[in-house]
Every structure is written in C-alpha cells, then in structure tokens.
C-alpha cells in the first residue's frame, strides 16, 4: 500500500510519497531526544587491582562479583572483570566499564595456565578458597548514587 499526497506547489498531478524517512524517522528521533533511557538500573563504575602475593600474575584472569544483598529496589545481577597480568580491572554488569549495581557483593578470582588439550588438567594460580565467593572473604559494598570506586585485593599464591 502506498500513501501519496497530491497537489501543492507543483500543481495538480504532482505527488510526493510519504516515506519512512520523512514521517516515522523524525518522530522516532524526537522520542530519543526526550530521553527514553536505557531502562537499566543504576550502576556505579568500579575498577581496581587484584595482586598475587603482592605482585603481578603469570597470566591474565577473571574476577566475578556475586551479589549477596542487592540494594532495595535493585535486581540481583553479577558483575565481572578481566584483569591483566598487573591485576588491573574494570567491572561490567551490562556493558564494558559500567560497574556494579548498588548492593553488597562477594568476589571470586580465577587465573590459570592456558591449556591446549581439553583432557589436560589445568593449573590454577588461585587457591581454591578464592575461587568460591562464599569463602573468599573478598567483599565489596556499592552505595546507590555513589562515585567511581577503586578497590584492591591481594590473593596469596596457590600452594
């Protein structure tokens, strides 16, 4: 189905087709300018450093923040961050660098030797205790409306 408007300056028989670009797109742009928002809950930027025995890591790794007690009105959603060999990381919940939602978290750390063979046993550089958020002792409280946070953790080397 085509919609046409005929007449106007060009006289009878001159028709202009109403198109998506001329009608719908400008309307959508106006709605966007009004601020539809992302629809996602507030997050607070979190970055930091996790060290191995006070120093660098033999490989890059991962730190996962598991929510223990979300702030009132916030969903329970974990955050994660990859860290480099110096242990530097920036946490994400939805998108890179957005941080964590307000609440109380426990962290777990994962780092090991890369393996080429799926049947080979991987060597972890992290003691088992720190691979479990319930036993790691690594906690973090993120306040609603808070400013950017920087946290530091030190993990003893695996035996």
N, C-alpha and C. Protein backbone atom coordinates (compact mmCIF):
# COMPACT_ATOMS: atom_id res chain seq x y z
N UNK A 1 0.84 -1.18 0.00
CA UNK A 1 0.00 0.00 0.00
C UNK A 1 0.88 1.24 0.00
N UNK A 2 0.56 2.19 -0.85
CA UNK A 2 1.32 3.43 -0.93
C UNK A 2 0.46 4.58 -0.50
N UNK A 3 1.08 5.51 0.23
CA UNK A 3 0.38 6.72 0.63
C UNK A 3 0.97 7.88 -0.14
N UNK A 4 0.13 8.65 -0.80
CA UNK A 4 0.59 9.80 -1.56
C UNK A 4 -0.19 11.04 -1.15
N UNK A 5 0.46 12.17 -1.23
CA UNK A 5 -0.22 13.46 -1.07
C UNK A 5 -0.04 14.19 -2.38
N UNK A 6 -1.10 14.57 -2.99
CA UNK A 6 -1.01 15.19 -4.30
C UNK A 6 -1.42 16.66 -4.23
N UNK A 7 -0.96 17.38 -5.15
CA UNK A 7 -1.29 18.79 -5.22
C UNK A 7 -0.15 19.61 -4.67
N UNK A 8 -0.45 20.82 -4.20
CA UNK A 8 0.56 21.64 -3.60
C UNK A 8 1.21 22.55 -4.61
N UNK A 9 2.42 22.98 -4.35
CA UNK A 9 3.12 23.98 -5.15
C UNK A 9 3.31 23.54 -6.60
N UNK A 10 3.57 22.27 -6.79
CA UNK A 10 3.83 21.80 -8.16
C UNK A 10 2.59 21.68 -9.00
N UNK A 11 1.42 21.96 -8.44
CA UNK A 11 0.17 21.88 -9.18
C UNK A 11 -0.42 20.49 -9.11
N UNK A 12 -1.58 20.39 -9.74
CA UNK A 12 -2.28 19.11 -9.74
C UNK A 12 -1.42 18.07 -10.44
N UNK A 13 -1.47 16.89 -9.95
CA UNK A 13 -0.70 15.80 -10.55
C UNK A 13 0.68 15.64 -9.96
N UNK A 14 1.15 16.63 -9.21
CA UNK A 14 2.45 16.49 -8.56
C UNK A 14 2.25 15.78 -7.24
N UNK A 15 2.87 14.63 -7.07
CA UNK A 15 2.66 13.84 -5.85
C UNK A 15 3.99 13.63 -5.13
N UNK A 16 3.88 13.70 -3.87
CA UNK A 16 5.05 13.39 -3.03
C UNK A 16 4.70 12.17 -2.20
N UNK A 17 5.55 11.20 -2.19
CA UNK A 17 5.30 9.99 -1.43
C UNK A 17 5.73 10.20 0.01
N UNK A 18 4.83 9.92 0.96
CA UNK A 18 5.18 9.98 2.37
C UNK A 18 5.96 8.72 2.68
N UNK A 19 7.18 8.86 3.09
CA UNK A 19 8.04 7.69 3.31
C UNK A 19 8.43 7.58 4.77
N UNK A 20 9.00 6.46 5.05
CA UNK A 20 9.50 6.19 6.38
C UNK A 20 10.47 7.28 6.82
N UNK A 21 11.34 7.67 5.92
CA UNK A 21 12.37 8.65 6.25
C UNK A 21 11.76 10.01 6.55
N UNK A 22 10.67 10.37 5.89
CA UNK A 22 10.09 11.70 6.07
C UNK A 22 9.10 11.76 7.22
N UNK A 23 8.54 10.63 7.66
CA UNK A 23 7.50 10.67 8.69
C UNK A 23 7.91 9.98 9.99
N UNK A 24 8.22 8.73 9.87
CA UNK A 24 8.45 7.92 11.06
C UNK A 24 9.81 8.24 11.70
N UNK A 25 10.84 8.33 10.90
CA UNK A 25 12.18 8.56 11.43
C UNK A 25 12.29 9.85 12.24
N UNK A 26 11.77 10.99 11.77
CA UNK A 26 11.84 12.21 12.59
C UNK A 26 11.09 12.06 13.91
N UNK A 27 9.96 11.36 13.89
CA UNK A 27 9.20 11.14 15.13
C UNK A 27 10.02 10.31 16.12
N UNK A 28 10.64 9.26 15.63
CA UNK A 28 11.47 8.41 16.49
C UNK A 28 12.64 9.21 17.06
N UNK A 29 13.23 10.08 16.24
CA UNK A 29 14.34 10.90 16.70
C UNK A 29 13.90 11.84 17.82
N UNK A 30 12.71 12.40 17.70
CA UNK A 30 12.19 13.28 18.75
C UNK A 30 12.00 12.53 20.06
N UNK A 31 11.48 11.32 19.98
CA UNK A 31 11.33 10.50 21.18
C UNK A 31 12.67 10.22 21.83
N UNK A 32 13.66 9.95 21.00
CA UNK A 32 15.01 9.69 21.51
C UNK A 32 15.55 10.92 22.24
N UNK A 33 15.33 12.09 21.68
CA UNK A 33 15.78 13.32 22.32
C UNK A 33 15.08 13.57 23.65
N UNK A 34 13.86 13.09 23.79
CA UNK A 34 13.12 13.27 25.03
C UNK A 34 13.69 12.39 26.15
N UNK A 35 14.50 11.43 25.79
CA UNK A 35 15.17 10.63 26.80
C UNK A 35 14.40 9.39 27.22
N UNK A 36 14.32 8.46 26.34
CA UNK A 36 13.65 7.20 26.66
C UNK A 36 14.45 6.44 27.71
N UNK A 37 15.76 6.65 27.78
CA UNK A 37 16.60 5.98 28.76
C UNK A 37 16.92 4.56 28.35
N UNK A 38 17.88 3.96 29.06
CA UNK A 38 18.30 2.61 28.72
C UNK A 38 17.38 1.58 29.36
N UNK A 39 16.62 1.98 30.37
CA UNK A 39 15.76 1.04 31.05
C UNK A 39 16.51 0.15 32.02
N UNK A 40 17.79 0.35 32.15
CA UNK A 40 18.61 -0.45 33.05
C UNK A 40 18.75 0.26 34.39
N UNK A 41 18.92 -0.55 35.46
CA UNK A 41 19.14 0.05 36.78
C UNK A 41 20.47 0.81 36.83
N UNK A 42 20.57 1.68 37.80
CA UNK A 42 21.78 2.46 38.05
C UNK A 42 22.97 1.53 38.30
N UNK A 43 24.11 1.90 37.77
CA UNK A 43 25.36 1.21 38.09
C UNK A 43 26.39 2.25 38.53
N UNK A 44 27.34 1.80 39.34
CA UNK A 44 28.41 2.66 39.84
C UNK A 44 29.72 2.12 39.26
N UNK A 45 30.51 2.94 38.56
CA UNK A 45 31.76 2.46 37.99
C UNK A 45 32.72 1.93 39.08
N UNK A 46 33.27 0.75 38.84
CA UNK A 46 34.19 0.11 39.78
C UNK A 46 35.40 -0.38 39.00
N UNK A 47 36.58 -0.02 39.47
CA UNK A 47 37.81 -0.54 38.90
C UNK A 47 38.74 -0.86 40.07
N UNK A 48 39.87 -1.46 39.75
CA UNK A 48 40.78 -1.79 40.83
C UNK A 48 41.96 -2.62 40.39
N UNK A 49 42.55 -3.27 41.39
CA UNK A 49 43.72 -4.12 41.14
C UNK A 49 43.66 -5.30 42.09
N UNK A 50 43.89 -6.47 41.54
CA UNK A 50 43.99 -7.69 42.33
C UNK A 50 45.41 -8.23 42.11
N UNK A 51 46.13 -8.45 43.19
CA UNK A 51 47.52 -8.90 43.08
C UNK A 51 47.66 -10.33 43.58
N UNK A 52 48.72 -10.98 43.18
CA UNK A 52 49.05 -12.34 43.61
C UNK A 52 50.28 -12.25 44.50
N UNK A 53 50.07 -12.42 45.79
CA UNK A 53 51.18 -12.31 46.74
C UNK A 53 51.83 -10.94 46.69
N UNK A 54 51.04 -9.89 46.44
CA UNK A 54 51.55 -8.53 46.40
C UNK A 54 52.16 -8.12 45.08
N UNK A 55 52.17 -9.02 44.10
CA UNK A 55 52.81 -8.70 42.82
C UNK A 55 51.93 -9.03 41.63
N UNK A 56 52.58 -9.19 40.49
CA UNK A 56 51.88 -9.46 39.24
C UNK A 56 51.46 -10.92 39.13
N UNK A 57 50.65 -11.20 38.12
CA UNK A 57 50.15 -12.54 37.84
C UNK A 57 50.93 -13.15 36.68
N UNK A 58 51.05 -14.48 36.64
CA UNK A 58 51.72 -15.11 35.50
C UNK A 58 50.87 -15.09 34.22
N UNK A 59 49.58 -14.84 34.37
CA UNK A 59 48.67 -14.77 33.21
C UNK A 59 47.51 -13.84 33.57
N UNK A 60 46.76 -13.45 32.56
CA UNK A 60 45.56 -12.64 32.79
C UNK A 60 44.49 -13.53 33.42
N UNK A 61 43.48 -12.92 34.06
CA UNK A 61 42.46 -13.71 34.72
C UNK A 61 41.11 -13.01 34.76
N UNK A 62 40.25 -13.51 35.64
CA UNK A 62 38.89 -13.04 35.74
C UNK A 62 38.50 -12.89 37.20
N UNK A 63 37.77 -11.83 37.51
CA UNK A 63 37.20 -11.65 38.85
C UNK A 63 35.69 -11.47 38.67
N UNK A 64 34.91 -12.23 39.46
CA UNK A 64 33.46 -12.21 39.36
C UNK A 64 32.89 -11.71 40.68
N UNK A 65 31.99 -10.73 40.60
CA UNK A 65 31.34 -10.16 41.77
C UNK A 65 29.91 -10.71 41.84
N UNK A 66 29.64 -11.53 42.85
CA UNK A 66 28.33 -12.15 43.04
C UNK A 66 27.54 -11.35 44.06
N UNK A 67 26.31 -10.95 43.72
CA UNK A 67 25.53 -10.17 44.68
C UNK A 67 25.08 -11.04 45.86
N UNK A 68 25.30 -10.52 47.06
CA UNK A 68 24.88 -11.19 48.29
C UNK A 68 23.58 -10.55 48.77
N UNK A 69 23.55 -9.22 48.69
CA UNK A 69 22.39 -8.47 49.14
C UNK A 69 22.24 -7.24 48.25
N UNK A 70 21.35 -7.31 47.24
CA UNK A 70 21.14 -6.13 46.40
C UNK A 70 20.53 -5.00 47.22
N UNK A 71 20.83 -3.77 46.83
CA UNK A 71 20.19 -2.62 47.47
C UNK A 71 18.69 -2.69 47.18
N UNK A 72 17.90 -2.08 48.05
CA UNK A 72 16.45 -2.12 47.91
C UNK A 72 16.02 -1.58 46.55
N UNK A 73 15.20 -2.37 45.86
CA UNK A 73 14.69 -1.97 44.55
C UNK A 73 15.59 -2.35 43.38
N UNK A 74 16.72 -2.99 43.65
CA UNK A 74 17.63 -3.39 42.58
C UNK A 74 17.59 -4.90 42.38
N UNK A 75 17.74 -5.36 41.14
CA UNK A 75 17.76 -6.80 40.90
C UNK A 75 19.09 -7.42 41.33
N UNK A 76 19.10 -8.73 41.44
CA UNK A 76 20.31 -9.48 41.79
C UNK A 76 21.01 -9.84 40.47
N UNK A 77 22.13 -9.16 40.18
CA UNK A 77 22.86 -9.42 38.93
C UNK A 77 24.36 -9.31 39.20
N UNK A 78 25.08 -10.33 38.79
CA UNK A 78 26.53 -10.37 38.99
C UNK A 78 27.25 -9.41 38.04
N UNK A 79 28.46 -9.03 38.42
CA UNK A 79 29.35 -8.25 37.57
C UNK A 79 30.63 -9.03 37.37
N UNK A 80 31.41 -8.66 36.39
CA UNK A 80 32.65 -9.37 36.11
C UNK A 80 33.68 -8.42 35.51
N UNK A 81 34.92 -8.87 35.59
CA UNK A 81 36.01 -8.08 35.00
C UNK A 81 37.17 -8.99 34.68
N UNK A 82 37.76 -8.79 33.53
CA UNK A 82 39.01 -9.45 33.20
C UNK A 82 40.13 -8.57 33.73
N UNK A 83 41.17 -9.20 34.28
CA UNK A 83 42.32 -8.41 34.73
C UNK A 83 43.55 -8.82 33.94
N UNK A 84 44.47 -7.86 33.78
CA UNK A 84 45.71 -8.11 33.05
C UNK A 84 46.75 -8.71 34.01
N UNK A 85 47.95 -8.95 33.53
CA UNK A 85 48.98 -9.57 34.37
C UNK A 85 49.42 -8.68 35.52
N UNK A 86 49.16 -7.38 35.44
CA UNK A 86 49.43 -6.49 36.57
C UNK A 86 48.25 -6.45 37.54
N UNK A 87 47.14 -7.10 37.18
CA UNK A 87 45.97 -7.20 38.06
C UNK A 87 44.95 -6.08 37.90
N UNK A 88 45.13 -5.19 36.95
CA UNK A 88 44.21 -4.07 36.76
C UNK A 88 42.92 -4.55 36.09
N UNK A 89 41.79 -4.05 36.60
CA UNK A 89 40.50 -4.45 36.04
C UNK A 89 39.49 -3.30 36.11
N UNK A 90 38.46 -3.41 35.26
CA UNK A 90 37.31 -2.51 35.26
C UNK A 90 36.07 -3.39 35.15
N UNK A 91 35.15 -3.23 36.10
CA UNK A 91 33.99 -4.12 36.21
C UNK A 91 32.88 -3.73 35.24
N UNK A 92 32.17 -4.75 34.75
CA UNK A 92 30.99 -4.54 33.92
C UNK A 92 29.84 -5.41 34.41
N UNK A 93 28.64 -4.85 34.33
CA UNK A 93 27.42 -5.61 34.60
C UNK A 93 26.66 -5.81 33.29
N UNK A 94 26.42 -4.74 32.56
CA UNK A 94 25.71 -4.81 31.28
C UNK A 94 26.65 -4.52 30.11
N UNK A 95 27.39 -3.43 30.22
CA UNK A 95 28.29 -3.03 29.15
C UNK A 95 29.67 -2.74 29.73
N UNK A 96 30.64 -2.76 28.89
CA UNK A 96 32.03 -2.56 29.31
C UNK A 96 32.19 -1.30 30.15
N UNK A 97 32.71 -1.48 31.38
CA UNK A 97 33.04 -0.36 32.25
C UNK A 97 31.89 0.28 33.00
N UNK A 98 30.66 -0.28 32.90
CA UNK A 98 29.54 0.37 33.58
C UNK A 98 29.55 0.16 35.08
N UNK A 99 30.24 -0.87 35.58
CA UNK A 99 30.37 -1.08 37.02
C UNK A 99 29.35 -2.04 37.59
N UNK A 100 28.98 -1.82 38.85
CA UNK A 100 28.06 -2.69 39.58
C UNK A 100 26.84 -1.91 40.04
N UNK A 101 25.73 -2.62 40.18
CA UNK A 101 24.55 -2.02 40.78
C UNK A 101 24.76 -1.91 42.28
N UNK A 102 24.10 -0.97 42.94
CA UNK A 102 24.23 -0.85 44.39
C UNK A 102 23.86 -2.15 45.10
N UNK A 103 24.65 -2.46 46.14
CA UNK A 103 24.42 -3.66 46.93
C UNK A 103 25.71 -4.18 47.53
N UNK A 104 25.62 -5.36 48.17
CA UNK A 104 26.79 -6.00 48.77
C UNK A 104 27.17 -7.20 47.92
N UNK A 105 28.46 -7.33 47.63
CA UNK A 105 28.98 -8.37 46.75
C UNK A 105 30.10 -9.15 47.43
N UNK A 106 30.27 -10.40 46.98
CA UNK A 106 31.45 -11.21 47.30
C UNK A 106 32.10 -11.56 45.97
N UNK A 107 33.42 -11.60 46.00
CA UNK A 107 34.17 -11.81 44.76
C UNK A 107 34.87 -13.17 44.74
N UNK A 108 35.07 -13.69 43.54
CA UNK A 108 35.86 -14.89 43.31
C UNK A 108 36.85 -14.56 42.20
N UNK A 109 38.03 -15.14 42.28
CA UNK A 109 39.11 -14.85 41.34
C UNK A 109 39.52 -16.14 40.63
N UNK A 110 39.74 -16.03 39.32
CA UNK A 110 40.13 -17.18 38.51
C UNK A 110 41.32 -16.79 37.64
N UNK A 111 42.36 -17.62 37.68
CA UNK A 111 43.54 -17.38 36.84
C UNK A 111 44.32 -18.69 36.78
N UNK A 112 44.68 -19.11 35.60
CA UNK A 112 45.42 -20.36 35.46
C UNK A 112 46.22 -20.40 34.19
N UNK A 113 46.99 -21.49 34.05
CA UNK A 113 47.76 -21.69 32.83
C UNK A 113 46.82 -22.05 31.69
N UNK A 114 47.01 -21.46 30.53
CA UNK A 114 46.19 -21.86 29.39
C UNK A 114 46.51 -23.31 29.01
N UNK A 115 45.50 -24.05 28.57
CA UNK A 115 45.72 -25.43 28.13
C UNK A 115 45.31 -25.57 26.68
N UNK A 116 46.06 -26.38 25.95
CA UNK A 116 45.75 -26.65 24.55
C UNK A 116 44.89 -27.90 24.41
N UNK A 117 45.02 -28.80 25.35
CA UNK A 117 44.32 -30.08 25.31
C UNK A 117 43.21 -30.08 26.35
N UNK A 118 41.98 -30.29 25.93
CA UNK A 118 40.84 -30.27 26.85
C UNK A 118 40.90 -31.39 27.89
N UNK A 119 41.68 -32.43 27.63
CA UNK A 119 41.80 -33.54 28.58
C UNK A 119 42.89 -33.29 29.61
N UNK A 120 43.73 -32.29 29.36
CA UNK A 120 44.82 -31.99 30.29
C UNK A 120 44.27 -31.25 31.51
N UNK A 121 44.87 -31.48 32.66
CA UNK A 121 44.46 -30.79 33.88
C UNK A 121 45.09 -29.40 33.90
N UNK A 122 44.26 -28.40 34.09
CA UNK A 122 44.76 -27.02 34.11
C UNK A 122 45.30 -26.70 35.49
N UNK A 123 46.37 -25.90 35.53
CA UNK A 123 46.93 -25.46 36.79
C UNK A 123 46.39 -24.08 37.12
N UNK A 124 45.79 -23.97 38.30
CA UNK A 124 45.27 -22.68 38.75
C UNK A 124 46.32 -21.99 39.61
N UNK A 125 46.44 -20.69 39.45
CA UNK A 125 47.34 -19.88 40.27
C UNK A 125 46.62 -19.36 41.52
N UNK A 126 45.32 -19.65 41.63
CA UNK A 126 44.49 -19.13 42.71
C UNK A 126 44.11 -20.27 43.66
N UNK A 127 44.35 -20.12 44.97
CA UNK A 127 43.91 -21.15 45.91
C UNK A 127 42.39 -21.35 45.81
N UNK A 128 41.93 -22.58 46.04
CA UNK A 128 40.51 -22.91 45.92
C UNK A 128 39.61 -21.98 46.71
N UNK A 129 40.03 -21.58 47.88
CA UNK A 129 39.22 -20.68 48.73
C UNK A 129 38.81 -19.43 47.98
N UNK A 130 39.71 -18.86 47.17
CA UNK A 130 39.44 -17.59 46.47
C UNK A 130 38.68 -17.79 45.16
N UNK A 131 38.45 -19.04 44.78
CA UNK A 131 37.64 -19.35 43.59
C UNK A 131 36.17 -19.51 43.95
N UNK A 132 35.85 -19.37 45.24
CA UNK A 132 34.48 -19.52 45.73
C UNK A 132 34.08 -18.22 46.43
N UNK A 133 33.09 -17.51 45.90
CA UNK A 133 32.73 -16.22 46.51
C UNK A 133 32.25 -16.34 47.96
N UNK A 134 31.67 -17.48 48.32
CA UNK A 134 31.18 -17.66 49.69
C UNK A 134 32.32 -17.83 50.69
N UNK A 135 33.51 -18.24 50.21
CA UNK A 135 34.64 -18.49 51.12
C UNK A 135 35.82 -17.57 50.91
N UNK A 136 35.77 -16.71 49.90
CA UNK A 136 36.95 -15.91 49.56
C UNK A 136 37.27 -14.82 50.57
N UNK A 137 36.25 -14.28 51.23
CA UNK A 137 36.46 -13.15 52.13
C UNK A 137 36.62 -11.83 51.40
N UNK A 138 36.48 -11.85 50.07
CA UNK A 138 36.60 -10.63 49.26
C UNK A 138 35.22 -10.02 49.11
N UNK A 139 34.97 -8.92 49.84
CA UNK A 139 33.66 -8.30 49.83
C UNK A 139 33.74 -6.86 49.34
N UNK A 140 32.60 -6.38 48.86
CA UNK A 140 32.52 -5.02 48.35
C UNK A 140 31.10 -4.52 48.54
N UNK A 141 30.96 -3.30 49.05
CA UNK A 141 29.65 -2.66 49.18
C UNK A 141 29.62 -1.47 48.24
N UNK A 142 28.63 -1.45 47.36
CA UNK A 142 28.44 -0.37 46.40
C UNK A 142 27.21 0.42 46.82
N UNK A 143 27.40 1.71 47.08
CA UNK A 143 26.32 2.58 47.54
C UNK A 143 25.57 3.19 46.35
N UNK A 144 24.26 3.33 46.49
CA UNK A 144 23.45 3.97 45.46
C UNK A 144 23.86 5.44 45.33
N UNK A 145 23.97 5.91 44.12
CA UNK A 145 24.37 7.30 43.88
C UNK A 145 25.84 7.54 44.16
N UNK A 146 26.58 6.46 44.37
CA UNK A 146 28.00 6.58 44.71
C UNK A 146 28.86 7.02 43.54
N UNK A 147 30.03 7.47 43.90
CA UNK A 147 31.01 7.87 42.90
C UNK A 147 31.82 6.66 42.46
N UNK A 148 32.63 6.88 41.46
CA UNK A 148 33.52 5.84 40.95
C UNK A 148 34.30 5.23 42.12
N UNK A 149 34.41 3.90 42.12
CA UNK A 149 35.11 3.20 43.21
C UNK A 149 36.38 2.54 42.69
N UNK A 150 37.39 2.49 43.56
CA UNK A 150 38.62 1.78 43.26
C UNK A 150 38.87 0.81 44.42
N UNK A 151 39.04 -0.47 44.11
CA UNK A 151 39.24 -1.48 45.14
C UNK A 151 40.53 -2.25 44.88
N UNK A 152 41.12 -2.76 45.97
CA UNK A 152 42.33 -3.58 45.85
C UNK A 152 42.17 -4.84 46.67
N UNK A 153 42.60 -5.96 46.07
CA UNK A 153 42.61 -7.24 46.76
C UNK A 153 43.97 -7.89 46.55
N UNK A 154 44.43 -8.65 47.54
CA UNK A 154 45.67 -9.40 47.39
C UNK A 154 45.36 -10.88 47.65
N UNK A 155 45.73 -11.73 46.74
CA UNK A 155 45.49 -13.16 46.84
C UNK A 155 46.82 -13.85 47.11
N UNK A 156 46.88 -14.70 48.15
CA UNK A 156 48.12 -15.44 48.39
C UNK A 156 48.31 -16.48 47.28
N UNK A 157 49.55 -16.78 46.93
CA UNK A 157 49.78 -17.77 45.86
C UNK A 157 49.23 -19.14 46.25
N UNK A 158 48.81 -19.89 45.23
CA UNK A 158 48.34 -21.26 45.45
C UNK A 158 49.53 -22.12 45.86
N UNK A 159 49.29 -23.09 46.75
CA UNK A 159 50.40 -23.96 47.20
C UNK A 159 50.92 -24.84 46.08
